Amino acid sequence: DPRARGRGLGTAMLEWCEDRLREIAGGTPHDGPTEFRSWYDERET
């Protein structure tokens, strides 16, 4: 929500997501490459 921006929420949430994805990857066998992904609209500066 824009009223909660600029306070570090985005960083905290993104870092939690990456930690959770690392945990999922560690428990899910895969024999190929792995990478993080996300998206943004050009207006989401």
PDB file of all heavy atoms in Angstrom:
ATOM      1  N   ASP A   1       0.854  -1.185   0.000  1.00  0.00           N
ATOM      2  CA  ASP A   1       0.000   0.000   0.000  1.00  0.00           C
ATOM      3  C   ASP A   1       0.898   1.246   0.000  1.00  0.00           C
ATOM      4  O   ASP A   1       1.875   1.306   0.743  1.00  0.00           O
ATOM      5  CB  ASP A   1      -0.877  -0.022   1.252  1.00  0.00           C
ATOM      6  CG  ASP A   1      -1.955   1.041   1.237  1.00  0.00           C
ATOM      7  OD1 ASP A   1      -1.609   2.234   1.090  1.00  0.00           O
ATOM      8  OD2 ASP A   1      -3.129   0.679   1.395  1.00  0.00           O
ATOM      9  N   PRO A   2       0.594   2.238  -0.823  1.00  0.00           N
ATOM     10  CA  PRO A   2       1.471   3.426  -0.892  1.00  0.00           C
ATOM     11  C   PRO A   2       1.668   4.123   0.451  1.00  0.00           C
ATOM     12  O   PRO A   2       2.723   4.723   0.687  1.00  0.00           O
ATOM     13  CB  PRO A   2       0.768   4.332  -1.910  1.00  0.00           C
ATOM     14  CG  PRO A   2      -0.624   3.796  -2.032  1.00  0.00           C
ATOM     15  CD  PRO A   2      -0.513   2.330  -1.790  1.00  0.00           C
ATOM     16  N   ARG A   3       0.695   4.027   1.358  1.00  0.00           N
ATOM     17  CA  ARG A   3       0.856   4.705   2.655  1.00  0.00           C
ATOM     18  C   ARG A   3       1.873   4.019   3.543  1.00  0.00           C
ATOM     19  O   ARG A   3       2.307   4.584   4.558  1.00  0.00           O
ATOM     20  CB  ARG A   3      -0.489   4.801   3.364  1.00  0.00           C
ATOM     21  CG  ARG A   3      -1.112   3.476   3.762  1.00  0.00           C
ATOM     22  CD  ARG A   3      -2.544   3.676   4.269  1.00  0.00           C
ATOM     23  NE  ARG A   3      -3.235   2.424   4.525  1.00  0.00           N
ATOM     24  CZ  ARG A   3      -3.187   1.762   5.665  1.00  0.00           C
ATOM     25  NH1 ARG A   3      -2.473   2.227   6.672  1.00  0.00           N
ATOM     26  NH2 ARG A   3      -3.859   0.630   5.810  1.00  0.00           N
ATOM     27  N   ALA A   4       2.297   2.795   3.162  1.00  0.00           N
ATOM     28  CA  ALA A   4       3.293   2.081   3.958  1.00  0.00           C
ATOM     29  C   ALA A   4       4.640   1.999   3.244  1.00  0.00           C
ATOM     30  O   ALA A   4       5.563   1.342   3.736  1.00  0.00           O
ATOM     31  CB  ALA A   4       2.794   0.673   4.286  1.00  0.00           C
ATOM     32  N   ARG A   5       4.774   2.668   2.131  1.00  0.00           N
ATOM     33  CA  ARG A   5       6.025   2.597   1.386  1.00  0.00           C
ATOM     34  C   ARG A   5       7.080   3.528   1.988  1.00  0.00           C
ATOM     35  O   ARG A   5       6.779   4.408   2.782  1.00  0.00           O
ATOM     36  CB  ARG A   5       5.781   2.978  -0.078  1.00  0.00           C
ATOM     37  CG  ARG A   5       4.919   1.967  -0.831  1.00  0.00           C
ATOM     38  CD  ARG A   5       4.660   2.406  -2.263  1.00  0.00           C
ATOM     39  NE  ARG A   5       3.810   1.450  -2.970  1.00  0.00           N
ATOM     40  CZ  ARG A   5       3.372   1.616  -4.221  1.00  0.00           C
ATOM     41  NH1 ARG A   5       3.712   2.708  -4.891  1.00  0.00           N
ATOM     42  NH2 ARG A   5       2.602   0.708  -4.786  1.00  0.00           N
ATOM     43  N   GLY A   6       8.324   3.282   1.568  1.00  0.00           N
ATOM     44  CA  GLY A   6       9.419   4.130   2.016  1.00  0.00           C
ATOM     45  C   GLY A   6       9.906   3.845   3.418  1.00  0.00           C
ATOM     46  O   GLY A   6      10.636   4.650   4.005  1.00  0.00           O
ATOM     47  N   ARG A   7       9.517   2.696   3.970  1.00  0.00           N
ATOM     48  CA  ARG A   7       9.884   2.364   5.347  1.00  0.00           C
ATOM     49  C   ARG A   7      10.671   1.057   5.443  1.00  0.00           C
ATOM     50  O   ARG A   7      10.952   0.582   6.538  1.00  0.00           O
ATOM     51  CB  ARG A   7       8.612   2.277   6.203  1.00  0.00           C
ATOM     52  CG  ARG A   7       7.807   3.566   6.200  1.00  0.00           C
ATOM     53  CD  ARG A   7       6.387   3.380   6.715  1.00  0.00           C
ATOM     54  NE  ARG A   7       6.360   2.877   8.080  1.00  0.00           N
ATOM     55  CZ  ARG A   7       5.241   2.549   8.725  1.00  0.00           C
ATOM     56  NH1 ARG A   7       4.070   2.656   8.111  1.00  0.00           N
ATOM     57  NH2 ARG A   7       5.289   2.110   9.968  1.00  0.00           N
ATOM     58  N   GLY A   8      10.991   0.465   4.300  1.00  0.00           N
ATOM     59  CA  GLY A   8      11.765  -0.772   4.308  1.00  0.00           C
ATOM     60  C   GLY A   8      10.956  -2.038   4.217  1.00  0.00           C
ATOM     61  O   GLY A   8      11.524  -3.140   4.295  1.00  0.00           O
ATOM     62  N   LEU A   9       9.629  -1.938   4.036  1.00  0.00           N
ATOM     63  CA  LEU A   9       8.806  -3.146   3.947  1.00  0.00           C
ATOM     64  C   LEU A   9       9.186  -3.974   2.722  1.00  0.00           C
ATOM     65  O   LEU A   9       9.253  -5.212   2.793  1.00  0.00           O
ATOM     66  CB  LEU A   9       7.317  -2.787   3.874  1.00  0.00           C
ATOM     67  CG  LEU A   9       6.565  -2.634   5.200  1.00  0.00           C
ATOM     68  CD1 LEU A   9       7.062  -1.399   5.946  1.00  0.00           C
ATOM     69  CD2 LEU A   9       5.062  -2.520   4.940  1.00  0.00           C
ATOM     70  N   GLY A  10       9.414  -3.303   1.595  1.00  0.00           N
ATOM     71  CA  GLY A  10       9.734  -4.025   0.371  1.00  0.00           C
ATOM     72  C   GLY A  10      10.983  -4.870   0.521  1.00  0.00           C
ATOM     73  O   GLY A  10      11.010  -6.041   0.101  1.00  0.00           O
ATOM     74  N   THR A  11      12.012  -4.310   1.126  1.00  0.00           N
ATOM     75  CA  THR A  11      13.251  -5.051   1.347  1.00  0.00           C
ATOM     76  C   THR A  11      13.021  -6.246   2.258  1.00  0.00           C
ATOM     77  O   THR A  11      13.469  -7.370   1.970  1.00  0.00           O
ATOM     78  CB  THR A  11      14.321  -4.124   1.946  1.00  0.00           C
ATOM     79  OG1 THR A  11      14.650  -3.102   0.989  1.00  0.00           O
ATOM     80  CG2 THR A  11      15.573  -4.895   2.306  1.00  0.00           C
ATOM     81  N   ALA A  12      12.301  -6.021   3.352  1.00  0.00           N
ATOM     82  CA  ALA A  12      12.038  -7.115   4.297  1.00  0.00           C
ATOM     83  C   ALA A  12      11.246  -8.237   3.638  1.00  0.00           C
ATOM     84  O   ALA A  12      11.553  -9.433   3.831  1.00  0.00           O
ATOM     85  CB  ALA A  12      11.286  -6.577   5.519  1.00  0.00           C
ATOM     86  N   MET A  13      10.250  -7.887   2.842  1.00  0.00           N
ATOM     87  CA  MET A  13       9.416  -8.895   2.201  1.00  0.00           C
ATOM     88  C   MET A  13      10.182  -9.638   1.115  1.00  0.00           C
ATOM     89  O   MET A  13      10.073 -10.869   0.989  1.00  0.00           O
ATOM     90  CB  MET A  13       8.161  -8.230   1.644  1.00  0.00           C
ATOM     91  CG  MET A  13       7.231  -7.697   2.738  1.00  0.00           C
ATOM     92  SD  MET A  13       5.976  -6.526   2.135  1.00  0.00           S
ATOM     93  CE  MET A  13       5.028  -7.573   1.055  1.00  0.00           C
ATOM     94  N   LEU A  14      10.960  -8.921   0.307  1.00  0.00           N
ATOM     95  CA  LEU A  14      11.733  -9.562  -0.748  1.00  0.00           C
ATOM     96  C   LEU A  14      12.755 -10.532  -0.162  1.00  0.00           C
ATOM     97  O   LEU A  14      12.906 -11.664  -0.651  1.00  0.00           O
ATOM     98  CB  LEU A  14      12.426  -8.498  -1.599  1.00  0.00           C
ATOM     99  CG  LEU A  14      13.385  -9.005  -2.684  1.00  0.00           C
ATOM    100  CD1 LEU A  14      12.665  -9.936  -3.655  1.00  0.00           C
ATOM    101  CD2 LEU A  14      14.001  -7.834  -3.438  1.00  0.00           C
ATOM    102  N   GLU A  15      13.443 -10.120   0.885  1.00  0.00           N
ATOM    103  CA  GLU A  15      14.454 -10.994   1.483  1.00  0.00           C
ATOM    104  C   GLU A  15      13.816 -12.225   2.122  1.00  0.00           C
ATOM    105  O   GLU A  15      14.386 -13.325   2.071  1.00  0.00           O
ATOM    106  CB  GLU A  15      15.292 -10.202   2.482  1.00  0.00           C
ATOM    107  CG  GLU A  15      16.170  -9.154   1.782  1.00  0.00           C
ATOM    108  CD  GLU A  15      16.973  -8.292   2.740  1.00  0.00           C
ATOM    109  OE1 GLU A  15      16.769  -8.428   3.977  1.00  0.00           O
ATOM    110  OE2 GLU A  15      17.791  -7.484   2.269  1.00  0.00           O
ATOM    111  N   TRP A  16      12.621 -12.059   2.716  1.00  0.00           N
ATOM    112  CA  TRP A  16      11.914 -13.231   3.245  1.00  0.00           C
ATOM    113  C   TRP A  16      11.553 -14.182   2.107  1.00  0.00           C
ATOM    114  O   TRP A  16      11.718 -15.409   2.232  1.00  0.00           O
ATOM    115  CB  TRP A  16      10.652 -12.811   3.996  1.00  0.00           C
ATOM    116  CG  TRP A  16       9.929 -13.983   4.605  1.00  0.00           C
ATOM    117  CD1 TRP A  16      10.114 -14.502   5.850  1.00  0.00           C
ATOM    118  CD2 TRP A  16       8.917 -14.792   3.979  1.00  0.00           C
ATOM    119  NE1 TRP A  16       9.281 -15.587   6.050  1.00  0.00           N
ATOM    120  CE2 TRP A  16       8.539 -15.783   4.917  1.00  0.00           C
ATOM    121  CE3 TRP A  16       8.303 -14.770   2.729  1.00  0.00           C
ATOM    122  CZ2 TRP A  16       7.569 -16.749   4.634  1.00  0.00           C
ATOM    123  CZ3 TRP A  16       7.336 -15.739   2.437  1.00  0.00           C
ATOM    124  CH2 TRP A  16       6.987 -16.711   3.384  1.00  0.00           C
ATOM    125  N   CYS A  17      11.055 -13.624   0.990  1.00  0.00           N
ATOM    126  CA  CYS A  17      10.684 -14.458  -0.160  1.00  0.00           C
ATOM    127  C   CYS A  17      11.880 -15.247  -0.668  1.00  0.00           C
ATOM    128  O   CYS A  17      11.771 -16.450  -0.970  1.00  0.00           O
ATOM    129  CB  CYS A  17      10.118 -13.581  -1.278  1.00  0.00           C
ATOM    130  SG  CYS A  17       8.451 -12.975  -0.988  1.00  0.00           S
ATOM    131  N   GLU A  18      13.027 -14.606  -0.798  1.00  0.00           N
ATOM    132  CA  GLU A  18      14.202 -15.316  -1.285  1.00  0.00           C
ATOM    133  C   GLU A  18      14.628 -16.415  -0.319  1.00  0.00           C
ATOM    134  O   GLU A  18      14.988 -17.530  -0.744  1.00  0.00           O
ATOM    135  CB  GLU A  18      15.344 -14.329  -1.526  1.00  0.00           C
ATOM    136  CG  GLU A  18      15.095 -13.394  -2.705  1.00  0.00           C
ATOM    137  CD  GLU A  18      16.257 -12.478  -3.004  1.00  0.00           C
ATOM    138  OE1 GLU A  18      17.183 -12.389  -2.148  1.00  0.00           O
ATOM    139  OE2 GLU A  18      16.252 -11.857  -4.081  1.00  0.00           O
ATOM    140  N   ASP A  19      14.559 -16.141   0.979  1.00  0.00           N
ATOM    141  CA  ASP A  19      14.888 -17.177   1.968  1.00  0.00           C
ATOM    142  C   ASP A  19      13.921 -18.345   1.865  1.00  0.00           C
ATOM    143  O   ASP A  19      14.327 -19.521   1.948  1.00  0.00           O
ATOM    144  CB  ASP A  19      14.856 -16.592   3.375  1.00  0.00           C
ATOM    145  CG  ASP A  19      16.060 -15.716   3.684  1.00  0.00           C
ATOM    146  OD1 ASP A  19      17.066 -15.793   2.940  1.00  0.00           O
ATOM    147  OD2 ASP A  19      15.983 -14.938   4.664  1.00  0.00           O
ATOM    148  N   ARG A  20      12.635 -18.043   1.694  1.00  0.00           N
ATOM    149  CA  ARG A  20      11.644 -19.121   1.575  1.00  0.00           C
ATOM    150  C   ARG A  20      11.884 -19.932   0.302  1.00  0.00           C
ATOM    151  O   ARG A  20      11.788 -21.170   0.321  1.00  0.00           O
ATOM    152  CB  ARG A  20      10.230 -18.519   1.576  1.00  0.00           C
ATOM    153  CG  ARG A  20       9.113 -19.539   1.354  1.00  0.00           C
ATOM    154  CD  ARG A  20       9.082 -20.604   2.429  1.00  0.00           C
ATOM    155  NE  ARG A  20       8.056 -21.600   2.154  1.00  0.00           N
ATOM    156  CZ  ARG A  20       8.183 -22.901   2.414  1.00  0.00           C
ATOM    157  NH1 ARG A  20       9.304 -23.358   2.968  1.00  0.00           N
ATOM    158  NH2 ARG A  20       7.213 -23.739   2.133  1.00  0.00           N
ATOM    159  N   LEU A  21      12.243 -19.278  -0.788  1.00  0.00           N
ATOM    160  CA  LEU A  21      12.511 -19.991  -2.037  1.00  0.00           C
ATOM    161  C   LEU A  21      13.760 -20.853  -1.921  1.00  0.00           C
ATOM    162  O   LEU A  21      13.815 -21.954  -2.482  1.00  0.00           O
ATOM    163  CB  LEU A  21      12.638 -18.991  -3.187  1.00  0.00           C
ATOM    164  CG  LEU A  21      11.319 -18.326  -3.603  1.00  0.00           C
ATOM    165  CD1 LEU A  21      11.572 -17.162  -4.556  1.00  0.00           C
ATOM    166  CD2 LEU A  21      10.376 -19.347  -4.259  1.00  0.00           C
ATOM    167  N   ARG A  22      14.764 -20.389  -1.213  1.00  0.00           N
ATOM    168  CA  ARG A  22      15.948 -21.219  -0.983  1.00  0.00           C
ATOM    169  C   ARG A  22      15.565 -22.483  -0.197  1.00  0.00           C
ATOM    170  O   ARG A  22      16.054 -23.584  -0.475  1.00  0.00           O
ATOM    171  CB  ARG A  22      17.003 -20.433  -0.208  1.00  0.00           C
ATOM    172  CG  ARG A  22      17.655 -19.293  -0.999  1.00  0.00           C
ATOM    173  CD  ARG A  22      18.776 -18.641  -0.191  1.00  0.00           C
ATOM    174  NE  ARG A  22      19.321 -17.479  -0.891  1.00  0.00           N
ATOM    175  CZ  ARG A  22      18.976 -16.223  -0.647  1.00  0.00           C
ATOM    176  NH1 ARG A  22      18.083 -15.959   0.321  1.00  0.00           N
ATOM    177  NH2 ARG A  22      19.508 -15.225  -1.320  1.00  0.00           N
ATOM    178  N   GLU A  23      14.695 -22.302   0.791  1.00  0.00           N
ATOM    179  CA  GLU A  23      14.246 -23.440   1.593  1.00  0.00           C
ATOM    180  C   GLU A  23      13.482 -24.435   0.731  1.00  0.00           C
ATOM    181  O   GLU A  23      13.686 -25.653   0.819  1.00  0.00           O
ATOM    182  CB  GLU A  23      13.370 -22.929   2.727  1.00  0.00           C
ATOM    183  CG  GLU A  23      12.917 -23.983   3.704  1.00  0.00           C
ATOM    184  CD  GLU A  23      12.112 -23.372   4.833  1.00  0.00           C
ATOM    185  OE1 GLU A  23      11.018 -22.827   4.565  1.00  0.00           O
ATOM    186  OE2 GLU A  23      12.578 -23.432   5.980  1.00  0.00           O
ATOM    187  N   ILE A  24      12.592 -23.919  -0.127  1.00  0.00           N
ATOM    188  CA  ILE A  24      11.823 -24.791  -1.015  1.00  0.00           C
ATOM    189  C   ILE A  24      12.753 -25.533  -1.969  1.00  0.00           C
ATOM    190  O   ILE A  24      12.619 -26.745  -2.186  1.00  0.00           O
ATOM    191  CB  ILE A  24      10.788 -23.962  -1.809  1.00  0.00           C
ATOM    192  CG1 ILE A  24       9.700 -23.435  -0.864  1.00  0.00           C
ATOM    193  CG2 ILE A  24      10.166 -24.803  -2.933  1.00  0.00           C
ATOM    194  CD1 ILE A  24       8.774 -22.425  -1.516  1.00  0.00           C
ATOM    195  N   ALA A  25      13.718 -24.812  -2.541  1.00  0.00           N
ATOM    196  CA  ALA A  25      14.649 -25.441  -3.477  1.00  0.00           C
ATOM    197  C   ALA A  25      15.457 -26.536  -2.803  1.00  0.00           C
ATOM    198  O   ALA A  25      15.713 -27.595  -3.393  1.00  0.00           O
ATOM    199  CB  ALA A  25      15.582 -24.380  -4.065  1.00  0.00           C
ATOM    200  N   GLY A  26      15.835 -26.307  -1.545  1.00  0.00           N
ATOM    201  CA  GLY A  26      16.619 -27.301  -0.822  1.00  0.00           C
ATOM    202  C   GLY A  26      15.858 -28.584  -0.571  1.00  0.00           C
ATOM    203  O   GLY A  26      16.456 -29.653  -0.438  1.00  0.00           O
ATOM    204  N   GLY A  27      14.529 -28.497  -0.527  1.00  0.00           N
ATOM    205  CA  GLY A  27      13.715 -29.673  -0.275  1.00  0.00           C
ATOM    206  C   GLY A  27      13.050 -30.239  -1.511  1.00  0.00           C
ATOM    207  O   GLY A  27      12.221 -31.140  -1.406  1.00  0.00           O
ATOM    208  N   THR A  28      13.419 -29.712  -2.690  1.00  0.00           N
ATOM    209  CA  THR A  28      12.802 -30.150  -3.938  1.00  0.00           C
ATOM    210  C   THR A  28      13.889 -30.549  -4.919  1.00  0.00           C
ATOM    211  O   THR A  28      14.550 -29.686  -5.505  1.00  0.00           O
ATOM    212  CB  THR A  28      11.955 -29.026  -4.554  1.00  0.00           C
ATOM    213  OG1 THR A  28      11.057 -28.501  -3.572  1.00  0.00           O
ATOM    214  CG2 THR A  28      11.156 -29.533  -5.751  1.00  0.00           C
ATOM    215  N   PRO A  29      14.133 -31.840  -5.135  1.00  0.00           N
ATOM    216  CA  PRO A  29      15.205 -32.272  -6.038  1.00  0.00           C
ATOM    217  C   PRO A  29      15.004 -31.708  -7.456  1.00  0.00           C
ATOM    218  O   PRO A  29      13.892 -31.661  -7.971  1.00  0.00           O
ATOM    219  CB  PRO A  29      15.074 -33.799  -6.030  1.00  0.00           C
ATOM    220  CG  PRO A  29      14.379 -34.123  -4.751  1.00  0.00           C
ATOM    221  CD  PRO A  29      13.434 -32.976  -4.513  1.00  0.00           C
ATOM    222  N   HIS A  30      16.097 -31.293  -8.057  1.00  0.00           N
ATOM    223  CA  HIS A  30      16.066 -30.782  -9.430  1.00  0.00           C
ATOM    224  C   HIS A  30      17.446 -30.949 -10.041  1.00  0.00           C
ATOM    225  O   HIS A  30      18.457 -30.624  -9.405  1.00  0.00           O
ATOM    226  CB  HIS A  30      15.648 -29.302  -9.441  1.00  0.00           C
ATOM    227  CG  HIS A  30      15.599 -28.707 -10.807  1.00  0.00           C
ATOM    228  ND1 HIS A  30      14.732 -29.145 -11.775  1.00  0.00           N
ATOM    229  CD2 HIS A  30      16.334 -27.715 -11.376  1.00  0.00           C
ATOM    230  CE1 HIS A  30      14.907 -28.439 -12.881  1.00  0.00           C
ATOM    231  NE2 HIS A  30      15.883 -27.574 -12.675  1.00  0.00           N
ATOM    232  N   ASP A  31      17.505 -31.450 -11.277  1.00  0.00           N
ATOM    233  CA  ASP A  31      18.799 -31.761 -11.903  1.00  0.00           C
ATOM    234  C   ASP A  31      19.237 -30.707 -12.917  1.00  0.00           C
ATOM    235  O   ASP A  31      20.144 -30.942 -13.714  1.00  0.00           O
ATOM    236  CB  ASP A  31      18.738 -33.128 -12.588  1.00  0.00           C
ATOM    237  CG  ASP A  31      17.678 -33.201 -13.693  1.00  0.00           C
ATOM    238  OD1 ASP A  31      16.986 -32.181 -13.932  1.00  0.00           O
ATOM    239  OD2 ASP A  31      17.553 -34.271 -14.315  1.00  0.00           O
ATOM    240  N   GLY A  32      18.598 -29.528 -12.885  1.00  0.00           N
ATOM    241  CA  GLY A  32      18.964 -28.474 -13.822  1.00  0.00           C
ATOM    242  C   GLY A  32      19.295 -27.178 -13.112  1.00  0.00           C
ATOM    243  O   GLY A  32      19.371 -27.114 -11.885  1.00  0.00           O
ATOM    244  N   PRO A  33      19.469 -26.106 -13.877  1.00  0.00           N
ATOM    245  CA  PRO A  33      19.792 -24.803 -13.276  1.00  0.00           C
ATOM    246  C   PRO A  33      18.595 -24.212 -12.545  1.00  0.00           C
ATOM    247  O   PRO A  33      17.446 -24.603 -12.764  1.00  0.00           O
ATOM    248  CB  PRO A  33      20.180 -23.948 -14.486  1.00  0.00           C
ATOM    249  CG  PRO A  33      19.425 -24.566 -15.627  1.00  0.00           C
ATOM    250  CD  PRO A  33      19.403 -26.033 -15.355  1.00  0.00           C
ATOM    251  N   THR A  34      18.872 -23.254 -11.663  1.00  0.00           N
ATOM    252  CA  THR A  34      17.847 -22.578 -10.874  1.00  0.00           C
ATOM    253  C   THR A  34      18.167 -21.096 -10.835  1.00  0.00           C
ATOM    254  O   THR A  34      19.335 -20.712 -10.786  1.00  0.00           O
ATOM    255  CB  THR A  34      17.808 -23.126  -9.436  1.00  0.00           C
ATOM    256  OG1 THR A  34      17.489 -24.526  -9.462  1.00  0.00           O
ATOM    257  CG2 THR A  34      16.761 -22.415  -8.593  1.00  0.00           C
ATOM    258  N   GLU A  35      17.139 -20.247 -10.865  1.00  0.00           N
ATOM    259  CA  GLU A  35      17.352 -18.814 -10.707  1.00  0.00           C
ATOM    260  C   GLU A  35      16.126 -18.166 -10.081  1.00  0.00           C
ATOM    261  O   GLU A  35      15.021 -18.709 -10.132  1.00  0.00           O
ATOM    262  CB  GLU A  35      17.694 -18.140 -12.039  1.00  0.00           C
ATOM    263  CG  GLU A  35      16.583 -18.165 -13.071  1.00  0.00           C
ATOM    264  CD  GLU A  35      17.020 -17.569 -14.407  1.00  0.00           C
ATOM    265  OE1 GLU A  35      18.232 -17.330 -14.597  1.00  0.00           O
ATOM    266  OE2 GLU A  35      16.155 -17.343 -15.263  1.00  0.00           O
ATOM    267  N   PHE A  36      16.343 -16.992  -9.473  1.00  0.00           N
ATOM    268  CA  PHE A  36      15.240 -16.199  -8.944  1.00  0.00           C
ATOM    269  C   PHE A  36      14.567 -15.460 -10.096  1.00  0.00           C
ATOM    270  O   PHE A  36      15.223 -15.031 -11.056  1.00  0.00           O
ATOM    271  CB  PHE A  36      15.742 -15.165  -7.929  1.00  0.00           C
ATOM    272  CG  PHE A  36      16.200 -15.744  -6.624  1.00  0.00           C
ATOM    273  CD1 PHE A  36      17.526 -15.607  -6.216  1.00  0.00           C
ATOM    274  CD2 PHE A  36      15.312 -16.396  -5.783  1.00  0.00           C
ATOM    275  CE1 PHE A  36      17.951 -16.113  -4.995  1.00  0.00           C
ATOM    276  CE2 PHE A  36      15.724 -16.908  -4.563  1.00  0.00           C
ATOM    277  CZ  PHE A  36      17.052 -16.764  -4.174  1.00  0.00           C
ATOM    278  N   ARG A  37      13.248 -15.249  -9.960  1.00  0.00           N
ATOM    279  CA  ARG A  37      12.486 -14.504 -10.964  1.00  0.00           C
ATOM    280  C   ARG A  37      11.510 -13.543 -10.282  1.00  0.00           C
ATOM    281  O   ARG A  37      11.021 -13.810  -9.187  1.00  0.00           O
ATOM    282  CB  ARG A  37      11.673 -15.453 -11.842  1.00  0.00           C
ATOM    283  CG  ARG A  37      12.489 -16.401 -12.704  1.00  0.00           C
ATOM    284  CD  ARG A  37      12.974 -15.750 -13.976  1.00  0.00           C
ATOM    285  NE  ARG A  37      13.672 -16.720 -14.803  1.00  0.00           N
ATOM    286  CZ  ARG A  37      13.065 -17.524 -15.688  1.00  0.00           C
ATOM    287  NH1 ARG A  37      11.748 -17.443 -15.853  1.00  0.00           N
ATOM    288  NH2 ARG A  37      13.755 -18.389 -16.396  1.00  0.00           N
ATOM    289  N   SER A  38      11.201 -12.467 -10.965  1.00  0.00           N
ATOM    290  CA  SER A  38      10.135 -11.574 -10.545  1.00  0.00           C
ATOM    291  C   SER A  38       9.709 -10.746 -11.745  1.00  0.00           C
ATOM    292  O   SER A  38      10.206 -10.938 -12.861  1.00  0.00           O
ATOM    293  CB  SER A  38      10.588 -10.672  -9.394  1.00  0.00           C
ATOM    294  OG  SER A  38       9.459 -10.034  -8.806  1.00  0.00           O
ATOM    295  N   TRP A  39       8.772  -9.806 -11.519  1.00  0.00           N
ATOM    296  CA  TRP A  39       8.240  -8.959 -12.581  1.00  0.00           C
ATOM    297  C   TRP A  39       7.932  -7.573 -12.029  1.00  0.00           C
ATOM    298  O   TRP A  39       7.682  -7.412 -10.845  1.00  0.00           O
ATOM    299  CB  TRP A  39       6.926  -9.533 -13.137  1.00  0.00           C
ATOM    300  CG  TRP A  39       7.099 -10.737 -13.987  1.00  0.00           C
ATOM    301  CD1 TRP A  39       7.134 -10.788 -15.349  1.00  0.00           C
ATOM    302  CD2 TRP A  39       7.251 -12.082 -13.545  1.00  0.00           C
ATOM    303  NE1 TRP A  39       7.312 -12.081 -15.774  1.00  0.00           N
ATOM    304  CE2 TRP A  39       7.395 -12.896 -14.681  1.00  0.00           C
ATOM    305  CE3 TRP A  39       7.308 -12.685 -12.281  1.00  0.00           C
ATOM    306  CZ2 TRP A  39       7.566 -14.272 -14.607  1.00  0.00           C
ATOM    307  CZ3 TRP A  39       7.499 -14.054 -12.203  1.00  0.00           C
ATOM    308  CH2 TRP A  39       7.618 -14.836 -13.360  1.00  0.00           C
ATOM    309  N   TYR A  40       7.925  -6.598 -12.926  1.00  0.00           N
ATOM    310  CA  TYR A  40       7.400  -5.289 -12.570  1.00  0.00           C
ATOM    311  C   TYR A  40       6.857  -4.600 -13.809  1.00  0.00           C
ATOM    312  O   TYR A  40       7.331  -4.816 -14.926  1.00  0.00           O
ATOM    313  CB  TYR A  40       8.455  -4.411 -11.881  1.00  0.00           C
ATOM    314  CG  TYR A  40       9.636  -4.028 -12.742  1.00  0.00           C
ATOM    315  CD1 TYR A  40       9.582  -2.922 -13.599  1.00  0.00           C
ATOM    316  CD2 TYR A  40      10.828  -4.743 -12.680  1.00  0.00           C
ATOM    317  CE1 TYR A  40      10.666  -2.564 -14.377  1.00  0.00           C
ATOM    318  CE2 TYR A  40      11.918  -4.393 -13.457  1.00  0.00           C
ATOM    319  CZ  TYR A  40      11.832  -3.301 -14.297  1.00  0.00           C
ATOM    320  OH  TYR A  40      12.920  -2.950 -15.067  1.00  0.00           O
ATOM    321  N   ASP A  41       5.836  -3.797 -13.616  1.00  0.00           N
ATOM    322  CA  ASP A  41       5.292  -2.942 -14.661  1.00  0.00           C
ATOM    323  C   ASP A  41       6.162  -1.700 -14.762  1.00  0.00           C
ATOM    324  O   ASP A  41       6.710  -1.242 -13.752  1.00  0.00           O
ATOM    325  CB  ASP A  41       3.844  -2.565 -14.301  1.00  0.00           C
ATOM    326  CG  ASP A  41       3.147  -1.763 -15.380  1.00  0.00           C
ATOM    327  OD1 ASP A  41       3.455  -0.552 -15.510  1.00  0.00           O
ATOM    328  OD2 ASP A  41       2.298  -2.321 -16.072  1.00  0.00           O
ATOM    329  N   GLU A  42       6.308  -1.144 -15.952  1.00  0.00           N
ATOM    330  CA  GLU A  42       7.174   0.026 -16.123  1.00  0.00           C
ATOM    331  C   GLU A  42       6.738   1.209 -15.257  1.00  0.00           C
ATOM    332  O   GLU A  42       7.541   2.100 -14.968  1.00  0.00           O
ATOM    333  CB  GLU A  42       7.200   0.454 -17.592  1.00  0.00           C
ATOM    334  CG  GLU A  42       5.868   0.921 -18.151  1.00  0.00           C
ATOM    335  CD  GLU A  42       5.953   1.262 -19.632  1.00  0.00           C
ATOM    336  OE1 GLU A  42       7.071   1.279 -20.177  1.00  0.00           O
ATOM    337  OE2 GLU A  42       4.897   1.512 -20.242  1.00  0.00           O
ATOM    338  N   ARG A  43       5.489   1.218 -14.815  1.00  0.00           N
ATOM    339  CA  ARG A  43       4.994   2.292 -13.967  1.00  0.00           C
ATOM    340  C   ARG A  43       5.266   2.045 -12.489  1.00  0.00           C
ATOM    341  O   ARG A  43       5.072   2.941 -11.662  1.00  0.00           O
ATOM    342  CB  ARG A  43       3.500   2.487 -14.227  1.00  0.00           C
ATOM    343  CG  ARG A  43       3.206   2.975 -15.653  1.00  0.00           C
ATOM    344  CD  ARG A  43       1.765   2.706 -16.088  1.00  0.00           C
ATOM    345  NE  ARG A  43       1.540   1.287 -16.327  1.00  0.00           N
ATOM    346  CZ  ARG A  43       0.451   0.793 -16.927  1.00  0.00           C
ATOM    347  NH1 ARG A  43      -0.498   1.614 -17.333  1.00  0.00           N
ATOM    348  NH2 ARG A  43       0.321  -0.517 -17.107  1.00  0.00           N
ATOM    349  N   GLU A  44       5.723   0.843 -12.154  1.00  0.00           N
ATOM    350  CA  GLU A  44       6.056   0.511 -10.764  1.00  0.00           C
ATOM    351  C   GLU A  44       7.530   0.848 -10.504  1.00  0.00           C
ATOM    352  O   GLU A  44       8.372  -0.021 -10.336  1.00  0.00           O
ATOM    353  CB  GLU A  44       5.779  -0.968 -10.498  1.00  0.00           C
ATOM    354  CG  GLU A  44       4.306  -1.333 -10.602  1.00  0.00           C
ATOM    355  CD  GLU A  44       4.060  -2.814 -10.412  1.00  0.00           C
ATOM    356  OE1 GLU A  44       4.628  -3.629 -11.162  1.00  0.00           O
ATOM    357  OE2 GLU A  44       3.275  -3.170  -9.507  1.00  0.00           O
ATOM    358  N   THR A  45       7.826   2.119 -10.462  1.00  0.00           N
ATOM    359  CA  THR A  45       9.218   2.561 -10.375  1.00  0.00           C
ATOM    360  C   THR A  45       9.873   2.162  -9.054  1.00  0.00           C
ATOM    361  O   THR A  45      11.074   1.871  -9.020  1.00  0.00           O
ATOM    362  CB  THR A  45       9.306   4.077 -10.575  1.00  0.00           C
ATOM    363  OG1 THR A  45       8.447   4.734  -9.625  1.00  0.00           O
ATOM    364  CG2 THR A  45       8.858   4.464 -11.980  1.00  0.00           C
TER     365      THR A  45
END
